[in-house]
Amino acid sequence: MNIKSNVTVIIPCYNDGLYIMQALHSILNQTVKADKIIIIDDGSEQDTKKILQKVQYDNVTIIYQENQGVSKARNNGIKLAQTDYILNLDADDYWEPTFIEKATALLNLNSEIAAVGCWIQTVKNNVLEKEIKKPTGGYVKDFIVKNNASASSLFRKKCWEEVGGYDEEMINGYEDWEFWVAILKHNWKIEILQEVLYTYRIKDESRDQNALKNHDFHLKKYIFLKHIDLYKEHFEFYAIELLRQNSVFRHNENKVKKSIDYRIGNVIASPARFFLKKILQK
């Protein structure tokens, strides 16, 4: 097909020279072509820059900037977009060929939908994992406890304008979650295509993993305080859902402690703990 999609694709890239061409080709090979592709090099090292400098396609623009974080990179790219729809893509991930076709069809048909995502498969060490991630999308109430959509989704540019873009203070992660909350507060909805059309790459070290391990509490607190009016409005739902999650966590913790592997590990570790205790008592 050679149909105008009214879509600009935004690809922030930070030292992803190994994967950027796969990401780019997943857009170039769409059944409905993007009008424009904007790659924002966010201060990558020279090996990635050399790869980007070889990219020559009429509808691809590359912007080079000092490292300022993914929120700033996305915002800088979206400011240049002249289409009604924006599609995010991380430089180490890729789309299946029919995503733009199917996602734009939903936005064209339903003016209440702010964004469209899909089910997600993950790849680690170049091997596809069996688990399929199935975000549910929904309304703002569905997002106050956890993020129910992927950062890589198709959305209306006017929604980005309505909330002032991505929060550039959130340099440590979860900016996509906050972005969806901010949009959905204005009575929008996020729709999810119930098929696997996106592949997310799991790396040994990534920004997402760092956010979860080192910044989870502070980032969630930031979102809570920024949108405290929303949490007050849905306080009962929020509190009950937190209680439910805590109960599930405790249940799973007890299951692990009762498992054979845990018991065997405990037995193996007992002598080491005994000798360590003796050493510390000296």
Protein backbone atom coordinates (compact mmCIF):
# COMPACT_ATOMS: atom_id res chain seq x y z
CA MET A 1 0.00 0.00 0.00
CA ASN A 2 1.05 3.60 -0.48
CA ILE A 3 -1.49 5.47 1.63
CA LYS A 4 -0.80 8.63 3.62
CA SER A 5 -1.07 7.71 7.27
CA ASN A 6 -1.00 11.16 8.92
CA VAL A 7 1.66 9.66 11.21
CA THR A 8 5.06 10.92 12.35
CA VAL A 9 7.28 8.34 14.05
CA ILE A 10 9.54 9.52 16.88
CA ILE A 11 12.61 7.38 17.68
CA PRO A 12 14.86 8.56 20.54
CA CYS A 13 18.25 6.88 20.23
CA TYR A 14 20.94 6.68 22.90
CA ASN A 15 23.83 4.31 22.10
CA ASP A 16 21.54 1.86 20.30
CA GLY A 17 23.59 1.52 17.15
CA LEU A 18 23.26 -2.27 17.26
CA TYR A 19 19.47 -2.11 16.94
CA ILE A 20 18.48 1.20 15.36
CA MET A 21 18.38 -0.14 11.79
CA GLN A 22 16.02 -2.97 12.76
CA ALA A 23 13.77 -0.43 14.48
CA LEU A 24 13.88 1.89 11.47
CA HIS A 25 13.15 -0.86 8.95
CA SER A 26 10.16 -2.00 11.00
CA ILE A 27 8.67 1.43 10.22
CA LEU A 28 9.81 1.59 6.62
CA ASN A 29 8.17 -1.80 6.01
CA GLN A 30 4.74 -0.86 7.36
CA THR A 31 1.73 -1.65 5.16
CA VAL A 32 0.65 1.96 5.65
CA LYS A 33 3.70 4.20 5.49
CA ALA A 34 4.54 6.89 8.02
CA ASP A 35 4.60 10.38 6.53
CA LYS A 36 7.73 11.23 8.50
CA ILE A 37 10.30 9.49 10.71
CA ILE A 38 12.31 11.60 13.15
CA ILE A 39 15.28 10.02 14.92
CA ILE A 40 16.62 12.01 17.87
CA ASP A 41 20.19 11.08 18.75
CA ASP A 42 20.38 11.90 22.45
CA GLY A 43 24.14 12.31 22.81
CA SER A 44 25.18 8.84 21.65
CA GLU A 45 28.80 7.74 21.34
CA GLN A 46 30.57 7.76 17.98
CA ASP A 47 29.80 4.16 16.96
CA THR A 48 26.05 4.92 17.00
CA LYS A 49 26.54 8.30 15.32
CA LYS A 50 28.45 6.65 12.46
CA ILE A 51 25.54 4.30 11.83
CA LEU A 52 23.01 7.14 11.90
CA GLN A 53 25.08 9.18 9.48
CA LYS A 54 24.65 6.44 6.87
CA VAL A 55 20.84 6.62 7.05
CA GLN A 56 19.51 8.18 3.85
CA TYR A 57 15.76 8.03 3.26
CA ASP A 58 13.60 10.87 1.96
CA ASN A 59 11.15 10.73 4.86
CA VAL A 60 13.77 10.29 7.63
CA THR A 61 15.20 13.23 9.58
CA ILE A 62 17.91 12.86 12.20
CA ILE A 63 18.35 15.38 15.00
CA TYR A 64 21.54 15.44 17.09
CA GLN A 65 21.44 16.83 20.62
CA GLU A 66 23.44 16.61 23.83
CA ASN A 67 22.22 13.94 26.22
CA GLN A 68 19.07 15.38 27.81
CA GLY A 69 16.92 12.31 28.45
CA VAL A 70 14.11 10.56 26.63
CA SER A 71 11.38 13.06 27.58
CA LYS A 72 13.30 15.96 26.10
CA ALA A 73 14.20 13.91 23.03
CA ARG A 74 10.58 12.94 22.39
CA ASN A 75 9.34 16.48 22.93
CA ASN A 76 11.94 17.91 20.57
CA GLY A 77 10.92 15.45 17.89
CA ILE A 78 7.18 15.90 18.34
CA LYS A 79 7.51 19.69 18.08
CA LEU A 80 8.66 19.19 14.49
CA ALA A 81 5.82 16.84 13.58
CA GLN A 82 3.22 18.20 11.17
CA THR A 83 0.84 15.23 11.36
CA ASP A 84 -2.14 14.61 13.62
CA TYR A 85 -0.80 11.31 14.90
CA ILE A 86 2.47 10.48 16.66
CA LEU A 87 3.99 7.02 17.01
CA ASN A 88 6.70 6.36 19.58
CA LEU A 89 9.34 3.72 19.00
CA ASP A 90 12.35 2.96 21.19
CA ALA A 91 15.50 2.48 19.14
CA ASP A 92 16.08 -1.10 20.33
CA ASP A 93 12.52 -2.35 19.69
CA TYR A 94 10.44 -2.92 16.57
CA TRP A 95 6.88 -3.02 15.19
CA GLU A 96 5.15 -5.66 13.12
CA PRO A 97 4.24 -4.41 9.59
CA THR A 98 0.51 -3.87 10.15
CA PHE A 99 0.55 -1.78 13.34
CA ILE A 100 0.21 1.68 11.77
CA GLU A 101 -2.57 0.44 9.48
CA LYS A 102 -4.59 -1.06 12.33
CA ALA A 103 -3.92 1.66 14.91
CA THR A 104 -4.73 4.61 12.64
CA ALA A 105 -7.99 2.88 11.65
CA LEU A 106 -9.07 2.97 15.31
CA LEU A 107 -8.14 6.63 15.79
CA ASN A 108 -9.88 7.58 12.56
CA LEU A 109 -13.09 5.83 13.61
CA ASN A 110 -13.32 6.86 17.26
CA SER A 111 -12.69 10.45 18.34
CA GLU A 112 -12.74 9.46 22.05
CA ILE A 113 -9.57 7.39 21.75
CA ALA A 114 -6.36 9.23 22.64
CA ALA A 115 -3.91 6.43 21.93
CA VAL A 116 -3.65 2.89 20.60
CA GLY A 117 -1.26 0.21 21.80
CA CYS A 118 -1.08 -3.56 21.43
CA TRP A 119 0.08 -6.78 23.06
CA ILE A 120 3.84 -7.12 23.39
CA GLN A 121 6.36 -9.89 23.02
CA THR A 122 9.80 -9.65 24.59
CA VAL A 123 13.19 -10.70 23.27
CA LYS A 124 16.25 -11.38 25.39
CA ASN A 125 19.65 -12.29 24.00
CA ASN A 126 17.98 -12.41 20.56
CA VAL A 127 15.59 -15.13 21.73
CA LEU A 128 11.83 -14.52 21.90
CA GLU A 129 10.40 -15.26 25.33
CA LYS A 130 7.15 -17.19 25.75
CA GLU A 131 5.34 -14.66 27.95
CA ILE A 132 3.13 -12.14 26.15
CA LYS A 133 2.53 -8.83 27.89
CA LYS A 134 -1.10 -7.80 27.62
CA PRO A 135 -1.71 -4.20 28.74
CA THR A 136 -5.40 -3.42 29.09
CA GLY A 137 -5.54 0.29 28.31
CA GLY A 138 -8.75 1.93 29.48
CA TYR A 139 -9.62 5.16 31.26
CA VAL A 140 -7.76 7.23 33.83
CA LYS A 141 -8.98 5.11 36.77
CA ASP A 142 -7.22 2.14 35.18
CA PHE A 143 -3.88 3.96 35.33
CA ILE A 144 -3.69 5.34 38.85
CA VAL A 145 -2.13 2.21 40.37
CA LYS A 146 -0.07 0.94 37.43
CA ASN A 147 0.74 1.77 33.84
CA ASN A 148 -1.68 -0.09 31.56
CA ALA A 149 -0.13 0.93 28.24
CA SER A 150 3.26 0.89 26.58
CA ALA A 151 5.28 4.02 25.93
CA SER A 152 5.45 2.86 22.33
CA SER A 153 1.92 3.61 21.16
CA LEU A 154 0.19 5.73 18.55
CA PHE A 155 -1.44 8.89 19.94
CA ARG A 156 -3.00 12.17 18.88
CA LYS A 157 -0.62 15.12 18.79
CA LYS A 158 -3.35 17.35 20.21
CA CYS A 159 -3.32 15.22 23.38
CA TRP A 160 0.43 15.86 23.71
CA GLU A 161 -0.24 19.59 23.26
CA GLU A 162 -3.08 19.48 25.77
CA VAL A 163 -0.82 18.27 28.61
CA GLY A 164 2.32 20.20 27.64
CA GLY A 165 4.24 17.17 26.40
CA TYR A 166 6.30 14.69 28.35
CA ASP A 167 7.45 15.79 31.81
CA GLU A 168 11.14 16.60 31.32
CA GLU A 169 11.77 16.47 35.08
CA MET A 170 11.25 12.69 35.01
CA ILE A 171 14.71 11.78 33.81
CA ASN A 172 14.83 8.48 35.74
CA GLY A 173 11.82 6.81 34.14
CA TYR A 174 8.01 6.33 34.30
CA GLU A 175 7.53 9.47 32.18
CA ASP A 176 5.31 7.48 29.82
CA TRP A 177 3.04 6.43 32.71
CA GLU A 178 2.70 10.04 33.87
CA PHE A 179 2.06 11.12 30.28
CA TRP A 180 -0.88 8.71 29.94
CA VAL A 181 -2.32 9.77 33.31
CA ALA A 182 -2.12 13.44 32.33
CA ILE A 183 -3.90 12.76 29.03
CA LEU A 184 -6.57 10.47 30.42
CA LYS A 185 -7.55 13.03 33.05
CA HIS A 186 -9.15 14.91 30.15
CA ASN A 187 -11.71 12.13 29.58
CA TRP A 188 -9.78 10.27 26.93
CA LYS A 189 -9.40 6.52 26.50
CA ILE A 190 -6.51 4.26 25.46
CA GLU A 191 -7.38 1.29 23.24
CA ILE A 192 -5.29 -1.88 22.98
CA LEU A 193 -5.13 -4.06 19.87
CA GLN A 194 -5.37 -7.61 21.20
CA GLU A 195 -2.59 -9.08 19.10
CA VAL A 196 1.19 -9.09 19.30
CA LEU A 197 2.41 -6.27 17.07
CA TYR A 198 5.36 -4.97 19.09
CA THR A 199 8.63 -6.50 20.26
CA TYR A 200 10.33 -5.12 23.36
CA ARG A 201 14.01 -5.89 23.90
CA ILE A 202 15.18 -6.83 27.40
CA LYS A 203 18.80 -5.86 27.96
CA ASP A 204 21.09 -6.66 30.89
CA GLU A 205 21.08 -2.99 31.79
CA SER A 206 18.30 -0.66 30.77
CA ARG A 207 16.62 2.54 31.84
CA ASP A 208 13.42 0.65 32.71
CA GLN A 209 15.24 -1.81 34.96
CA ASN A 210 17.15 1.00 36.65
CA ALA A 211 13.88 2.85 37.31
CA LEU A 212 12.31 -0.22 38.92
CA LYS A 213 15.35 -1.11 41.03
CA ASN A 214 16.50 2.32 42.15
CA HIS A 215 13.76 4.92 41.66
CA ASP A 216 10.41 3.15 41.89
CA PHE A 217 9.17 4.74 45.13
CA HIS A 218 10.28 8.28 44.30
CA LEU A 219 8.84 8.15 40.77
CA LYS A 220 5.50 6.82 42.00
CA LYS A 221 5.45 9.49 44.71
CA TYR A 222 6.13 12.15 42.06
CA ILE A 223 3.19 10.97 39.94
CA PHE A 224 0.96 10.76 43.03
CA LEU A 225 1.74 14.30 44.17
CA LYS A 226 1.54 15.78 40.67
CA HIS A 227 -1.92 14.30 40.17
CA ILE A 228 -3.08 14.25 43.78
CA ASP A 229 -6.49 15.63 42.77
CA LEU A 230 -7.02 12.47 40.74
CA TYR A 231 -5.98 10.20 43.59
CA LYS A 232 -8.29 12.03 45.99
CA GLU A 233 -11.16 11.60 43.55
CA HIS A 234 -10.56 7.85 43.31
CA PHE A 235 -9.20 7.35 46.84
CA GLU A 236 -11.33 4.33 47.77
CA PHE A 237 -10.47 2.48 44.56
CA TYR A 238 -6.78 3.38 44.94
CA ALA A 239 -6.58 2.23 48.57
CA ILE A 240 -8.41 -1.04 47.95
CA GLU A 241 -6.23 -1.85 44.95
CA LEU A 242 -3.07 -1.23 46.99
CA LEU A 243 -4.40 -3.52 49.72
CA ARG A 244 -5.17 -6.19 47.13
CA GLN A 245 -1.69 -5.96 45.63
CA ASN A 246 -0.10 -6.20 49.07
CA SER A 247 -2.16 -9.32 49.78
CA VAL A 248 -1.08 -10.91 46.49
CA PHE A 249 2.55 -10.07 47.25
CA ARG A 250 2.34 -11.68 50.72
CA HIS A 251 0.66 -14.75 49.29
CA ASN A 252 3.35 -15.19 46.65
CA GLU A 253 6.07 -14.59 49.24
CA ASN A 254 4.68 -17.38 51.41
CA LYS A 255 4.47 -19.72 48.41
CA VAL A 256 8.14 -19.11 47.68
CA LYS A 257 9.13 -19.79 51.31
CA LYS A 258 7.22 -23.09 51.26
CA SER A 259 8.73 -24.21 47.95
CA ILE A 260 11.22 -27.10 47.83
CA ASP A 261 13.90 -24.95 46.19
CA TYR A 262 13.65 -22.38 48.98
CA ARG A 263 13.88 -25.07 51.68
CA ILE A 264 16.88 -26.72 50.03
CA GLY A 265 18.59 -23.35 49.73
CA ASN A 266 17.88 -22.67 53.39
CA VAL A 267 19.46 -25.98 54.43
CA ILE A 268 22.54 -25.39 52.27
CA ALA A 269 22.98 -21.88 53.68
CA SER A 270 22.58 -22.91 57.34
CA PRO A 271 26.22 -23.98 57.92
CA ALA A 272 27.48 -20.76 56.35
CA ARG A 273 25.24 -18.71 58.62
CA PHE A 274 26.41 -20.70 61.67
CA PHE A 275 30.10 -20.08 61.00
CA LEU A 276 29.48 -16.43 60.14
CA LYS A 277 27.68 -15.98 63.45
CA LYS A 278 30.60 -17.54 65.31
CA ILE A 279 33.09 -15.28 63.54
CA LEU A 280 31.08 -12.17 64.39
CA GLN A 281 30.86 -13.19 68.06
CA LYS A 282 34.66 -13.31 68.41
